[in-house]
Amino acid sequence: MSIDRSERSAKNYILRRSLLDFGMGAIIMGFGLFFAFADKFGIQFTVTPGFRYAFTALCIVYGGFRMYRGYKKNYFSE
């Protein structure tokens, strides 16, 4: 009985963690895309363009990593 409960608890944890990774990945990638296309929206930043592009790339790469981690669901590696 306790094995069934621990398996169900582990599955619920994996589902919650996967949804969190997908959601946070989408939000972080959204910020990256926003910074990439901010000029087209008419928004000006006071930072240098090099820093903005580096931050954009970092957001897109890290957001993609979070979404990949949510897809793989490898949270219990032994």
N, C-alpha and C. Protein backbone atom coordinates (compact mmCIF):
# COMPACT_ATOMS: atom_id res chain seq x y z
N MET A 1 0.82 -1.19 0.00
CA MET A 1 0.00 0.00 0.00
C MET A 1 0.87 1.26 0.00
N SER A 2 1.95 1.25 0.80
CA SER A 2 2.80 2.43 0.85
C SER A 2 3.60 2.61 -0.43
N ILE A 3 3.89 1.52 -1.14
CA ILE A 3 4.60 1.63 -2.41
C ILE A 3 3.72 2.33 -3.42
N ASP A 4 2.44 1.99 -3.44
CA ASP A 4 1.51 2.63 -4.35
C ASP A 4 1.41 4.13 -4.05
N ARG A 5 1.37 4.46 -2.78
CA ARG A 5 1.27 5.86 -2.39
C ARG A 5 2.54 6.64 -2.76
N SER A 6 3.71 6.02 -2.58
CA SER A 6 4.95 6.72 -2.92
C SER A 6 5.10 6.86 -4.44
N GLU A 7 4.64 5.86 -5.20
CA GLU A 7 4.68 5.98 -6.66
C GLU A 7 3.75 7.09 -7.14
N ARG A 8 2.56 7.15 -6.56
CA ARG A 8 1.62 8.19 -6.93
C ARG A 8 2.15 9.56 -6.56
N SER A 9 2.79 9.66 -5.40
CA SER A 9 3.38 10.91 -4.96
C SER A 9 4.51 11.34 -5.90
N ALA A 10 5.32 10.38 -6.33
CA ALA A 10 6.41 10.70 -7.26
C ALA A 10 5.87 11.15 -8.62
N LYS A 11 4.82 10.49 -9.10
CA LYS A 11 4.22 10.90 -10.38
C LYS A 11 3.62 12.30 -10.29
N ASN A 12 2.97 12.60 -9.17
CA ASN A 12 2.41 13.94 -9.00
C ASN A 12 3.50 14.99 -8.93
N TYR A 13 4.60 14.67 -8.26
CA TYR A 13 5.73 15.59 -8.18
C TYR A 13 6.32 15.85 -9.57
N ILE A 14 6.48 14.78 -10.35
CA ILE A 14 7.03 14.93 -11.71
C ILE A 14 6.11 15.78 -12.57
N LEU A 15 4.81 15.58 -12.46
CA LEU A 15 3.86 16.37 -13.24
C LEU A 15 3.92 17.85 -12.86
N ARG A 16 3.92 18.13 -11.55
CA ARG A 16 3.99 19.52 -11.10
C ARG A 16 5.29 20.18 -11.54
N ARG A 17 6.39 19.47 -11.42
CA ARG A 17 7.68 20.03 -11.78
C ARG A 17 7.77 20.25 -13.29
N SER A 18 7.22 19.33 -14.06
CA SER A 18 7.22 19.47 -15.51
C SER A 18 6.40 20.68 -15.95
N LEU A 19 5.22 20.85 -15.36
CA LEU A 19 4.39 22.01 -15.69
C LEU A 19 5.07 23.31 -15.29
N LEU A 20 5.75 23.31 -14.16
CA LEU A 20 6.49 24.48 -13.73
C LEU A 20 7.60 24.81 -14.71
N ASP A 21 8.33 23.80 -15.17
CA ASP A 21 9.41 24.03 -16.12
C ASP A 21 8.88 24.54 -17.46
N PHE A 22 7.78 23.98 -17.94
CA PHE A 22 7.20 24.47 -19.19
C PHE A 22 6.73 25.92 -19.04
N GLY A 23 6.05 26.21 -17.95
CA GLY A 23 5.53 27.56 -17.74
C GLY A 23 6.64 28.59 -17.59
N MET A 24 7.62 28.30 -16.76
CA MET A 24 8.72 29.25 -16.56
C MET A 24 9.55 29.39 -17.83
N GLY A 25 9.73 28.29 -18.55
CA GLY A 25 10.46 28.37 -19.81
C GLY A 25 9.77 29.26 -20.82
N ALA A 26 8.43 29.14 -20.89
CA ALA A 26 7.68 29.98 -21.81
C ALA A 26 7.75 31.45 -21.41
N ILE A 27 7.67 31.73 -20.12
CA ILE A 27 7.75 33.12 -19.65
C ILE A 27 9.12 33.71 -19.93
N ILE A 28 10.18 32.95 -19.64
CA ILE A 28 11.54 33.46 -19.85
C ILE A 28 11.81 33.64 -21.34
N MET A 29 11.36 32.70 -22.18
CA MET A 29 11.52 32.88 -23.62
C MET A 29 10.70 34.07 -24.12
N GLY A 30 9.55 34.29 -23.53
CA GLY A 30 8.74 35.45 -23.89
C GLY A 30 9.45 36.75 -23.60
N PHE A 31 10.13 36.82 -22.46
CA PHE A 31 10.92 38.01 -22.15
C PHE A 31 12.05 38.19 -23.17
N GLY A 32 12.69 37.09 -23.54
CA GLY A 32 13.75 37.17 -24.53
C GLY A 32 13.24 37.67 -25.87
N LEU A 33 12.09 37.16 -26.30
CA LEU A 33 11.52 37.63 -27.56
C LEU A 33 11.06 39.08 -27.47
N PHE A 34 10.56 39.47 -26.31
CA PHE A 34 10.17 40.87 -26.12
C PHE A 34 11.37 41.80 -26.25
N PHE A 35 12.48 41.44 -25.61
CA PHE A 35 13.68 42.27 -25.72
C PHE A 35 14.24 42.26 -27.13
N ALA A 36 14.09 41.14 -27.84
CA ALA A 36 14.61 41.06 -29.21
C ALA A 36 13.83 41.97 -30.15
N PHE A 37 12.52 42.07 -29.96
CA PHE A 37 11.68 42.85 -30.87
C PHE A 37 11.16 44.13 -30.23
N ALA A 38 11.82 44.63 -29.21
CA ALA A 38 11.35 45.84 -28.52
C ALA A 38 11.39 47.06 -29.42
N ASP A 39 12.35 47.12 -30.34
CA ASP A 39 12.42 48.26 -31.26
C ASP A 39 11.19 48.33 -32.15
N LYS A 40 10.68 47.19 -32.55
CA LYS A 40 9.48 47.16 -33.40
C LYS A 40 8.23 47.59 -32.64
N PHE A 41 8.25 47.43 -31.32
CA PHE A 41 7.14 47.87 -30.49
C PHE A 41 7.25 49.34 -30.11
N GLY A 42 8.37 49.97 -30.44
CA GLY A 42 8.58 51.37 -30.12
C GLY A 42 9.08 51.61 -28.71
N ILE A 43 9.68 50.60 -28.11
CA ILE A 43 10.18 50.73 -26.74
C ILE A 43 11.69 50.91 -26.80
N GLN A 44 12.19 51.93 -26.13
CA GLN A 44 13.62 52.22 -26.11
C GLN A 44 14.17 51.89 -24.72
N PHE A 45 15.36 51.29 -24.69
CA PHE A 45 16.03 50.97 -23.43
C PHE A 45 17.26 51.84 -23.28
N THR A 46 17.68 52.04 -22.03
CA THR A 46 18.86 52.87 -21.78
C THR A 46 20.14 52.05 -21.73
N VAL A 47 20.06 50.75 -21.93
CA VAL A 47 21.25 49.90 -21.92
C VAL A 47 21.82 49.84 -23.34
N THR A 48 23.07 49.44 -23.43
CA THR A 48 23.70 49.33 -24.74
C THR A 48 23.08 48.18 -25.53
N PRO A 49 23.07 48.29 -26.85
CA PRO A 49 22.49 47.20 -27.65
C PRO A 49 23.21 45.86 -27.46
N GLY A 50 24.50 45.88 -27.24
CA GLY A 50 25.23 44.63 -27.02
C GLY A 50 24.75 43.90 -25.78
N PHE A 51 24.54 44.66 -24.71
CA PHE A 51 24.04 44.04 -23.47
C PHE A 51 22.62 43.52 -23.69
N ARG A 52 21.80 44.27 -24.40
CA ARG A 52 20.42 43.84 -24.65
C ARG A 52 20.39 42.56 -25.46
N TYR A 53 21.24 42.46 -26.50
CA TYR A 53 21.26 41.25 -27.32
C TYR A 53 21.81 40.06 -26.53
N ALA A 54 22.79 40.29 -25.69
CA ALA A 54 23.33 39.21 -24.86
C ALA A 54 22.27 38.71 -23.88
N PHE A 55 21.53 39.64 -23.28
CA PHE A 55 20.47 39.26 -22.35
C PHE A 55 19.35 38.53 -23.09
N THR A 56 19.05 38.98 -24.30
CA THR A 56 18.04 38.31 -25.12
C THR A 56 18.44 36.87 -25.41
N ALA A 57 19.68 36.68 -25.82
CA ALA A 57 20.17 35.33 -26.12
C ALA A 57 20.15 34.46 -24.87
N LEU A 58 20.55 35.02 -23.74
CA LEU A 58 20.54 34.27 -22.49
C LEU A 58 19.13 33.84 -22.11
N CYS A 59 18.17 34.74 -22.25
CA CYS A 59 16.78 34.41 -21.92
C CYS A 59 16.24 33.32 -22.84
N ILE A 60 16.52 33.41 -24.12
CA ILE A 60 16.01 32.42 -25.06
C ILE A 60 16.65 31.05 -24.81
N VAL A 61 17.95 31.03 -24.57
CA VAL A 61 18.63 29.75 -24.33
C VAL A 61 18.17 29.13 -23.02
N TYR A 62 18.09 29.93 -21.96
CA TYR A 62 17.68 29.37 -20.67
C TYR A 62 16.21 28.96 -20.70
N GLY A 63 15.36 29.73 -21.36
CA GLY A 63 13.96 29.34 -21.49
C GLY A 63 13.80 28.04 -22.26
N GLY A 64 14.60 27.89 -23.31
CA GLY A 64 14.58 26.64 -24.07
C GLY A 64 15.05 25.47 -23.24
N PHE A 65 16.08 25.70 -22.42
CA PHE A 65 16.57 24.65 -21.53
C PHE A 65 15.51 24.24 -20.53
N ARG A 66 14.80 25.21 -19.96
CA ARG A 66 13.74 24.87 -19.00
C ARG A 66 12.63 24.07 -19.65
N MET A 67 12.27 24.43 -20.88
CA MET A 67 11.23 23.68 -21.58
C MET A 67 11.72 22.27 -21.94
N TYR A 68 12.98 22.14 -22.33
CA TYR A 68 13.55 20.83 -22.62
C TYR A 68 13.56 19.96 -21.37
N ARG A 69 13.92 20.55 -20.24
CA ARG A 69 13.96 19.80 -18.99
C ARG A 69 12.56 19.34 -18.59
N GLY A 70 11.54 20.18 -18.86
CA GLY A 70 10.17 19.78 -18.60
C GLY A 70 9.70 18.66 -19.52
N TYR A 71 10.22 18.65 -20.75
CA TYR A 71 9.87 17.61 -21.70
C TYR A 71 10.51 16.27 -21.32
N LYS A 72 11.78 16.30 -20.89
CA LYS A 72 12.49 15.07 -20.57
C LYS A 72 12.00 14.43 -19.27
N LYS A 73 11.60 15.23 -18.30
CA LYS A 73 11.08 14.75 -17.01
C LYS A 73 12.06 13.82 -16.30
N ASN A 74 13.34 14.17 -16.31
CA ASN A 74 14.37 13.34 -15.68
C ASN A 74 14.75 13.99 -14.34
N TYR A 75 13.84 13.91 -13.38
CA TYR A 75 14.07 14.59 -12.10
C TYR A 75 14.69 13.67 -11.06
N PHE A 76 14.51 12.37 -11.21
CA PHE A 76 15.07 11.42 -10.25
C PHE A 76 16.17 10.63 -10.94
N SER A 77 17.34 11.21 -11.08
CA SER A 77 18.43 10.47 -11.71
C SER A 77 19.22 9.75 -10.62
N GLU A 78 19.49 8.49 -10.86
CA GLU A 78 20.16 7.66 -9.86
C GLU A 78 21.57 7.36 -10.27
